[in-house]
């Protein structure tokens, strides 16, 4: 997939943010998913991932470990795929 220079910069920032979350478990889950799939993301998916990156680690970890349900305002196909990812 070809991307614009702006998308390339966004992808690099997202990769860094996904792999340096602050909680090791989220580095593995989110960082692993992004490392594996980022190159295939559309511009819309990049935008959705930027939104997901704003969610606190503790919330995402509780959703990934099924300790809490994902609130409707955060639910998306991309987030579901991320939370289902196992390194």
Protein backbone atom coordinates (compact mmCIF):
# COMPACT_ATOMS: atom_id res chain seq x y z
CA UNK A 1 0.00 0.00 0.00
CA UNK A 2 1.39 3.38 -0.95
CA UNK A 3 0.98 6.24 1.46
CA UNK A 4 1.52 9.95 1.52
CA UNK A 5 4.48 11.46 3.38
CA UNK A 6 2.00 12.63 6.03
CA UNK A 7 0.68 9.07 6.50
CA UNK A 8 4.24 7.78 6.76
CA UNK A 9 4.97 10.21 9.60
CA UNK A 10 1.68 9.30 11.31
CA UNK A 11 2.53 5.58 11.04
CA UNK A 12 5.98 6.10 12.59
CA UNK A 13 4.50 8.07 15.49
CA UNK A 14 1.81 5.46 16.03
CA UNK A 15 4.33 2.63 16.04
CA UNK A 16 6.41 4.42 18.66
CA UNK A 17 3.38 5.20 20.83
CA UNK A 18 2.05 1.63 20.54
CA UNK A 19 5.32 0.04 21.61
CA UNK A 20 6.08 2.48 24.44
CA UNK A 21 2.82 2.61 26.38
CA UNK A 22 4.12 2.41 29.93
CA UNK A 23 2.48 -0.88 30.83
CA UNK A 24 4.42 -3.86 29.51
CA UNK A 25 1.27 -5.86 28.79
CA UNK A 26 -0.08 -3.09 26.56
CA UNK A 27 3.30 -2.77 24.86
CA UNK A 28 2.94 -6.45 23.96
CA UNK A 29 -0.75 -6.40 22.97
CA UNK A 30 -1.11 -3.01 21.31
CA UNK A 31 2.49 -2.73 20.17
CA UNK A 32 2.50 -6.26 18.80
CA UNK A 33 -0.73 -5.73 16.88
CA UNK A 34 0.39 -2.40 15.45
CA UNK A 35 3.83 -3.74 14.52
CA UNK A 36 2.22 -6.61 12.66
CA UNK A 37 -0.61 -4.74 10.88
CA UNK A 38 0.26 -1.03 10.61
CA UNK A 39 1.63 -1.18 7.07
CA UNK A 40 -1.73 -2.42 5.78
CA UNK A 41 -3.85 0.23 7.55
CA UNK A 42 -5.90 2.63 5.47
CA UNK A 43 -5.90 6.35 6.23
CA UNK A 44 -9.22 5.86 8.05
CA UNK A 45 -7.72 3.08 10.20
CA UNK A 46 -4.75 5.30 11.02
CA UNK A 47 -7.20 7.93 12.26
CA UNK A 48 -9.07 5.34 14.31
CA UNK A 49 -5.80 4.07 15.80
CA UNK A 50 -4.87 7.64 16.78
CA UNK A 51 -8.19 7.84 18.65
CA UNK A 52 -7.56 4.47 20.34
CA UNK A 53 -4.10 5.64 21.45
CA UNK A 54 -5.80 8.23 23.68
CA UNK A 55 -7.49 5.52 25.76
CA UNK A 56 -5.66 4.94 29.07
CA UNK A 57 -3.63 1.73 29.36
CA UNK A 58 -5.50 0.52 32.45
CA UNK A 59 -8.82 0.70 30.61
CA UNK A 60 -7.55 -1.17 27.57
CA UNK A 61 -5.85 -3.79 29.72
CA UNK A 62 -9.05 -4.44 31.66
CA UNK A 63 -10.91 -4.85 28.36
CA UNK A 64 -8.23 -7.12 26.88
CA UNK A 65 -8.30 -9.36 29.96
CA UNK A 66 -12.13 -9.35 30.00
CA UNK A 67 -12.25 -7.77 33.45
CA UNK A 68 -14.56 -5.09 32.08
CA UNK A 69 -16.64 -4.64 28.94
CA UNK A 70 -15.65 -2.10 26.31
CA UNK A 71 -17.91 0.95 26.72
CA UNK A 72 -20.06 1.66 23.65
CA UNK A 73 -18.34 5.01 23.03
CA UNK A 74 -15.02 3.20 22.53
CA UNK A 75 -16.28 0.14 20.66
CA UNK A 76 -14.95 -0.26 17.11
CA UNK A 77 -13.88 -3.06 14.80
CA UNK A 78 -10.24 -2.03 15.08
CA UNK A 79 -10.31 -1.95 18.88
CA UNK A 80 -11.95 -5.40 18.91
CA UNK A 81 -9.17 -6.75 16.69
CA UNK A 82 -6.50 -5.16 18.91
CA UNK A 83 -8.00 -6.55 22.12
CA UNK A 84 -8.25 -10.03 20.60
CA UNK A 85 -4.57 -10.01 19.56
CA UNK A 86 -2.30 -12.35 21.48
CA UNK A 87 1.47 -12.01 21.05
